[in-house]
Amino acid sequence: MISRRTIRIKVLQTLYTFYSTPERSINNSEKELFFSLGKTFDLYHLIFQLIIELADFAQHRIDTNMGKMRPSYEDLHPNLRFVNNRVIKMLRENRRLKAYINQSKISWSNHPELIKDLYQFLAESDFFAEYLRRADDSFGEDKRLIDRILNNIILISEDVHLILEEDSIYWNDDLDLVIAMISKTIKGFRPDSDENQALMPMFKDEDDKQFAKDLFSKTILNNEELRSIVDQHASNWDIERIAFMDILIMELALAEFLYFPSIPTKVTLNEYIEMAKFYSTEKSRTFINGILDKALKELKLDNKIEKAGRGLIGEA
């Protein structure tokens, strides 16, 4: 499922677009937010399909070599371990994956050269050669190969990143998040899994979906209060020279401090400092950390932080 960190990132990006647009509409921007989250879920299924495409390409090469006028011994006795990988077979037969792919019409049909190049990269890798020659033909080894393809081939491929950026502006920062989702999904596969094996839902539960909606709306509707807190604690800085993305990160964190009683402040602080690593400079990260730390201490002294629920002992 789409993690709360991903939700926070998508909310941040949508807020940036919202404030950069002359004609602002909260309703339209909220629809844009959920469309963006839906595109992440599309990519989750599309990368599964990419793994299947690699196996299909390998099978096509085997068939082509066996059909040569003068096939070699290797052509006639190919190593079938990859094309018979049990995890890939499960993905190929998975009813949920097939239904989603058919309904969304997403595919790699426009990128045959990418499939060819990725397979060549895979075929030349040491871990793939080891997989083909291992005596241990286990389901665990099949799962480990898929994980290595995801993290050592697909994730690091510049061509994959480039094509995803060209195909959808919503996928620019999503690949590593989606790879983590897929790796977690594959861990749940068992030797006796069938075509009904569950994949991840878009959201963990209704609470996560509501979190996305509330974080977006509460940050906008309380913008003046949140911005005043930032301004107050950034008094020693030239506020006009602070990057707008940095201000949005701090406003989102403050919104969670103030309006989300079930989320521990430590979790919020850690999440937005982590986000700042990717969306701010080194200097900005230190600045954001300092401002949020000062603001949190003062909000607690003013009894404006009200947290309740499991895991919130010690918040006072």
Protein backbone atom coordinates (compact mmCIF):
# COMPACT_ATOMS: atom_id res chain seq x y z
CA MET A 1 0.00 0.00 0.00
CA ILE A 2 1.02 3.60 -0.43
CA SER A 3 2.92 4.59 2.71
CA ARG A 4 2.23 7.69 4.76
CA ARG A 5 5.62 9.03 3.72
CA THR A 6 4.55 8.82 0.11
CA ILE A 7 1.26 10.51 1.01
CA ARG A 8 3.19 13.34 2.70
CA ILE A 9 5.41 13.76 -0.37
CA LYS A 10 2.41 13.87 -2.71
CA VAL A 11 0.66 16.40 -0.48
CA LEU A 12 3.81 18.56 -0.48
CA GLN A 13 4.02 18.45 -4.27
CA THR A 14 0.30 19.22 -4.67
CA LEU A 15 0.52 22.16 -2.27
CA TYR A 16 3.46 23.57 -4.21
CA THR A 17 1.42 23.38 -7.42
CA PHE A 18 -1.64 24.83 -5.67
CA TYR A 19 0.21 27.94 -4.50
CA SER A 20 1.96 28.31 -7.85
CA THR A 21 -1.33 28.43 -9.76
CA PRO A 22 -3.10 31.82 -10.19
CA GLU A 23 -6.59 30.27 -10.20
CA ARG A 24 -6.65 28.20 -7.03
CA SER A 25 -9.31 25.60 -6.29
CA ILE A 26 -9.06 23.39 -3.21
CA ASN A 27 -11.47 20.86 -4.70
CA ASN A 28 -9.60 20.61 -7.99
CA SER A 29 -6.25 20.36 -6.21
CA GLU A 30 -7.58 17.63 -3.94
CA LYS A 31 -8.66 15.69 -7.02
CA GLU A 32 -5.16 16.24 -8.40
CA LEU A 33 -3.68 14.87 -5.17
CA PHE A 34 -5.63 11.64 -5.39
CA PHE A 35 -4.93 11.35 -9.11
CA SER A 36 -1.23 11.61 -8.26
CA LEU A 37 -1.56 8.88 -5.62
CA GLY A 38 -3.42 6.76 -8.16
CA LYS A 39 -0.54 7.13 -10.59
CA THR A 40 1.82 5.78 -7.93
CA PHE A 41 -0.45 2.76 -7.66
CA ASP A 42 -0.35 2.43 -11.47
CA LEU A 43 3.44 2.31 -11.32
CA TYR A 44 3.29 -0.41 -8.66
CA HIS A 45 1.48 -2.66 -11.15
CA LEU A 46 3.54 -1.50 -14.12
CA ILE A 47 6.83 -2.59 -12.51
CA PHE A 48 5.33 -6.03 -11.83
CA GLN A 49 4.55 -6.14 -15.54
CA LEU A 50 8.13 -5.17 -16.37
CA ILE A 51 9.41 -8.25 -14.55
CA ILE A 52 7.06 -10.42 -16.61
CA GLU A 53 8.22 -8.67 -19.80
CA LEU A 54 11.83 -9.58 -19.00
CA ALA A 55 10.90 -13.26 -18.68
CA ASP A 56 8.88 -13.07 -21.91
CA PHE A 57 11.88 -11.60 -23.69
CA ALA A 58 14.09 -14.39 -22.37
CA GLN A 59 11.59 -16.99 -23.64
CA HIS A 60 11.48 -15.29 -27.04
CA ARG A 61 15.26 -15.47 -27.30
CA ILE A 62 15.21 -19.16 -26.40
CA ASP A 63 12.55 -19.85 -29.05
CA THR A 64 14.49 -17.86 -31.66
CA ASN A 65 17.75 -19.69 -30.94
CA MET A 66 16.09 -23.10 -31.10
CA GLY A 67 14.67 -22.18 -34.51
CA LYS A 68 18.05 -21.42 -36.07
CA MET A 69 19.05 -23.28 -39.21
CA ARG A 70 22.05 -24.67 -37.34
CA PRO A 71 21.35 -24.38 -33.62
CA SER A 72 24.20 -25.02 -31.21
CA TYR A 73 24.05 -27.46 -28.33
CA GLU A 74 23.37 -24.53 -26.00
CA ASP A 75 20.57 -23.34 -28.28
CA LEU A 76 18.90 -26.73 -28.09
CA HIS A 77 19.49 -27.17 -24.36
CA PRO A 78 18.83 -23.73 -22.86
CA ASN A 79 18.79 -22.98 -19.16
CA LEU A 80 15.08 -22.52 -18.42
CA ARG A 81 15.39 -21.56 -14.78
CA PHE A 82 14.61 -17.87 -15.29
CA VAL A 83 11.67 -18.36 -17.65
CA ASN A 84 10.31 -20.97 -15.23
CA ASN A 85 10.81 -18.76 -12.16
CA ARG A 86 7.90 -19.58 -9.89
CA VAL A 87 7.39 -16.03 -8.65
CA ILE A 88 7.14 -14.73 -12.22
CA LYS A 89 4.70 -17.51 -13.02
CA MET A 90 2.58 -16.42 -10.06
CA LEU A 91 2.68 -12.80 -11.23
CA ARG A 92 1.73 -13.82 -14.78
CA GLU A 93 -1.31 -15.71 -13.48
CA ASN A 94 -2.31 -13.27 -10.74
CA ARG A 95 -5.92 -12.30 -11.29
CA ARG A 96 -5.67 -8.93 -9.55
CA LEU A 97 -2.60 -7.91 -11.51
CA LYS A 98 -4.12 -8.96 -14.84
CA ALA A 99 -7.38 -7.16 -14.08
CA TYR A 100 -5.60 -3.95 -13.09
CA ILE A 101 -3.33 -3.97 -16.15
CA ASN A 102 -6.28 -4.59 -18.47
CA GLN A 103 -8.43 -1.92 -16.86
CA SER A 104 -5.76 0.79 -16.67
CA LYS A 105 -4.30 0.05 -20.12
CA ILE A 106 -0.75 0.55 -18.84
CA SER A 107 2.02 -1.39 -20.59
CA TRP A 108 5.60 -1.38 -21.85
CA SER A 109 4.56 -1.97 -25.47
CA ASN A 110 6.11 1.33 -26.60
CA HIS A 111 9.50 0.50 -25.12
CA PRO A 112 10.79 -2.78 -26.65
CA GLU A 113 14.38 -1.49 -26.65
CA LEU A 114 14.21 -0.92 -22.90
CA ILE A 115 13.16 -4.53 -22.33
CA LYS A 116 16.01 -5.75 -24.53
CA ASP A 117 18.60 -3.55 -22.81
CA LEU A 118 17.42 -4.47 -19.30
CA TYR A 119 17.57 -8.16 -20.13
CA GLN A 120 21.08 -7.77 -21.53
CA PHE A 121 22.11 -5.97 -18.35
CA LEU A 122 20.54 -8.78 -16.32
CA ALA A 123 22.14 -11.53 -18.40
CA GLU A 124 25.60 -10.01 -17.86
CA SER A 125 25.21 -9.65 -14.10
CA ASP A 126 27.06 -11.92 -11.70
CA PHE A 127 24.03 -12.58 -9.51
CA PHE A 128 22.02 -13.80 -12.52
CA ALA A 129 24.80 -16.17 -13.62
CA GLU A 130 25.00 -17.51 -10.07
CA TYR A 131 21.22 -17.99 -9.99
CA LEU A 132 21.27 -20.02 -13.23
CA ARG A 133 24.02 -22.38 -12.07
CA ARG A 134 22.97 -22.84 -8.43
CA ALA A 135 22.05 -26.41 -7.45
CA ASP A 136 19.53 -25.04 -4.95
CA ASP A 137 16.43 -24.67 -7.11
CA SER A 138 14.21 -23.33 -4.34
CA PHE A 139 11.30 -20.93 -4.15
CA GLY A 140 13.42 -18.78 -1.85
CA GLU A 141 16.06 -18.41 -4.57
CA ASP A 142 13.34 -17.43 -7.06
CA LYS A 143 12.18 -14.69 -4.68
CA ARG A 144 15.71 -13.45 -4.08
CA LEU A 145 16.30 -13.14 -7.81
CA ILE A 146 13.23 -10.94 -8.24
CA ASP A 147 14.38 -8.73 -5.38
CA ARG A 148 17.81 -8.36 -7.02
CA ILE A 149 16.26 -7.54 -10.39
CA LEU A 150 14.18 -4.84 -8.72
CA ASN A 151 17.01 -3.26 -6.74
CA ASN A 152 20.09 -3.99 -8.88
CA ILE A 153 18.65 -3.64 -12.37
CA ILE A 154 15.38 -1.70 -12.55
CA LEU A 155 15.97 0.78 -9.73
CA ILE A 156 19.41 1.87 -10.94
CA SER A 157 18.60 1.95 -14.65
CA GLU A 158 18.87 5.49 -16.02
CA ASP A 159 16.76 4.42 -18.99
CA VAL A 160 13.92 3.30 -16.73
CA HIS A 161 14.00 6.60 -14.85
CA LEU A 162 14.08 8.57 -18.09
CA ILE A 163 11.15 6.71 -19.64
CA LEU A 164 9.06 7.02 -16.50
CA GLU A 165 9.72 10.76 -16.38
CA GLU A 166 8.71 11.06 -20.03
CA ASP A 167 5.58 8.94 -19.62
CA SER A 168 4.23 10.70 -16.53
CA ILE A 169 5.25 13.74 -14.50
CA TYR A 170 3.77 11.97 -11.49
CA TRP A 171 6.45 9.25 -11.55
CA ASN A 172 9.52 11.48 -11.16
CA ASP A 173 10.13 10.53 -7.52
CA ASP A 174 8.14 7.32 -7.25
CA LEU A 175 10.35 4.47 -8.42
CA ASP A 176 12.25 3.81 -5.17
CA LEU A 177 8.98 4.01 -3.21
CA VAL A 178 7.28 1.56 -5.57
CA ILE A 179 10.24 -0.85 -5.55
CA ALA A 180 9.98 -0.99 -1.76
CA MET A 181 6.25 -1.75 -2.05
CA ILE A 182 6.88 -4.55 -4.54
CA SER A 183 9.70 -6.07 -2.47
CA LYS A 184 7.36 -6.18 0.52
CA THR A 185 4.64 -7.77 -1.62
CA ILE A 186 6.96 -10.48 -2.94
CA LYS A 187 8.00 -11.37 0.60
CA GLY A 188 4.40 -12.40 1.22
CA PHE A 189 4.40 -14.95 -1.63
CA ARG A 190 4.50 -18.62 -0.63
CA PRO A 191 5.18 -21.78 -2.65
CA ASP A 192 1.47 -22.63 -2.54
CA SER A 193 0.27 -19.13 -3.54
CA ASP A 194 -2.13 -19.19 -6.47
CA GLU A 195 -3.76 -16.75 -8.90
CA ASN A 196 -5.70 -15.21 -6.00
CA GLN A 197 -2.56 -14.15 -4.12
CA ALA A 198 -3.22 -10.71 -2.63
CA LEU A 199 -1.32 -7.68 -3.82
CA MET A 200 -1.21 -4.46 -1.84
CA PRO A 201 -4.29 -2.24 -1.73
CA MET A 202 -3.84 1.41 -2.66
CA PHE A 203 -4.23 2.50 0.96
CA LYS A 204 -3.60 0.49 4.11
CA ASP A 205 -7.05 1.47 5.35
CA GLU A 206 -9.63 4.24 5.21
CA ASP A 207 -7.64 6.18 7.84
CA ASP A 208 -4.70 6.59 5.47
CA LYS A 209 -6.96 7.82 2.68
CA GLN A 210 -8.55 10.31 5.07
CA PHE A 211 -5.09 11.35 6.27
CA ALA A 212 -4.17 12.40 2.74
CA LYS A 213 -7.33 14.46 2.41
CA ASP A 214 -7.08 16.05 5.85
CA LEU A 215 -3.38 16.87 5.67
CA PHE A 216 -3.92 18.70 2.40
CA SER A 217 -7.04 20.61 3.44
CA LYS A 218 -5.98 21.49 6.99
CA THR A 219 -2.64 22.87 5.80
CA ILE A 220 -4.39 25.15 3.30
CA LEU A 221 -7.27 26.22 5.55
CA ASN A 222 -4.91 27.05 8.42
CA ASN A 223 -2.23 28.58 6.25
CA GLU A 224 -2.20 31.96 8.00
CA GLU A 225 -1.71 30.45 11.46
CA LEU A 226 0.95 28.02 10.25
CA ARG A 227 2.82 30.70 8.31
CA SER A 228 2.77 33.02 11.32
CA ILE A 229 4.43 30.32 13.44
CA VAL A 230 7.13 29.88 10.80
CA ASP A 231 7.66 33.65 10.57
CA GLN A 232 7.86 33.97 14.35
CA HIS A 233 10.58 31.38 14.75
CA ALA A 234 12.48 32.47 11.64
CA SER A 235 12.82 36.03 12.90
CA ASN A 236 16.61 35.91 12.61
CA TRP A 237 16.36 34.93 8.94
CA ASP A 238 15.35 36.91 5.87
CA ILE A 239 11.97 35.24 5.36
CA GLU A 240 11.81 36.40 1.74
CA ARG A 241 14.95 34.43 0.96
CA ILE A 242 13.70 31.15 2.47
CA ALA A 243 12.84 28.66 -0.27
CA PHE A 244 9.08 28.26 -0.64
CA MET A 245 9.42 24.47 -0.58
CA ASP A 246 11.12 24.75 2.82
CA ILE A 247 8.21 26.85 4.12
CA LEU A 248 5.70 24.26 2.88
CA ILE A 249 7.61 21.44 4.57
CA MET A 250 7.49 23.32 7.86
CA GLU A 251 3.81 24.19 7.48
CA LEU A 252 2.95 20.54 6.87
CA ALA A 253 4.90 19.46 9.94
CA LEU A 254 3.21 22.14 12.06
CA ALA A 255 -0.18 21.04 10.76
CA GLU A 256 0.53 17.51 11.97
CA PHE A 257 1.69 18.82 15.35
CA LEU A 258 -1.51 20.82 15.82
CA TYR A 259 -4.33 19.05 14.00
CA PHE A 260 -3.51 15.32 14.03
CA PRO A 261 -3.81 14.14 17.65
CA SER A 262 -3.04 10.49 16.88
CA ILE A 263 0.38 11.11 15.26
CA PRO A 264 3.31 11.40 17.71
CA THR A 265 5.31 14.60 17.31
CA LYS A 266 8.52 12.59 17.10
CA VAL A 267 7.17 10.70 14.08
CA THR A 268 6.14 13.95 12.40
CA LEU A 269 9.50 15.59 13.07
CA ASN A 270 11.46 12.61 11.76
CA GLU A 271 9.31 12.32 8.64
CA TYR A 272 9.66 15.93 7.55
CA ILE A 273 13.36 16.14 8.35
CA GLU A 274 13.78 13.05 6.17
CA MET A 275 11.75 14.67 3.39
CA ALA A 276 13.90 17.78 3.62
CA LYS A 277 16.92 15.64 2.67
CA PHE A 278 15.39 15.21 -0.81
CA TYR A 279 13.60 18.51 -1.30
CA SER A 280 15.97 20.99 0.36
CA THR A 281 19.65 21.85 0.51
CA GLU A 282 21.98 20.79 3.31
CA LYS A 283 21.73 24.28 4.80
CA SER A 284 17.94 24.25 4.54
CA ARG A 285 17.66 20.91 6.35
CA THR A 286 19.52 22.30 9.35
CA PHE A 287 17.34 25.41 9.26
CA ILE A 288 14.09 23.40 9.03
CA ASN A 289 15.15 21.15 11.88
CA GLY A 290 15.97 24.12 14.08
CA ILE A 291 12.74 26.01 13.36
CA LEU A 292 10.51 22.97 13.90
CA ASP A 293 12.30 22.07 17.13
CA LYS A 294 11.85 25.59 18.55
CA ALA A 295 8.24 25.80 17.39
CA LEU A 296 7.37 22.43 18.90
CA LYS A 297 8.84 23.35 22.29
CA GLU A 298 6.86 26.60 22.40
CA LEU A 299 3.62 24.97 21.23
CA LYS A 300 3.98 22.42 24.02
CA LEU A 301 4.61 25.15 26.61
CA ASP A 302 1.46 26.93 25.38
CA ASN A 303 -0.50 23.65 25.69
CA LYS A 304 -1.39 23.77 22.00
CA ILE A 305 -0.25 20.21 21.35
CA GLU A 306 -2.93 17.67 22.20
CA LYS A 307 -2.06 14.08 21.46
CA ALA A 308 -4.06 11.02 22.39
CA GLY A 309 -4.01 7.36 21.49
CA ARG A 310 -1.68 4.37 21.42
CA GLY A 311 2.05 5.04 21.41
CA LEU A 312 1.65 8.62 22.62
CA ILE A 313 2.83 8.25 26.23
CA GLY A 314 5.38 10.94 26.99
CA GLU A 315 4.04 13.46 24.50
CA ALA A 316 3.20 16.00 27.18
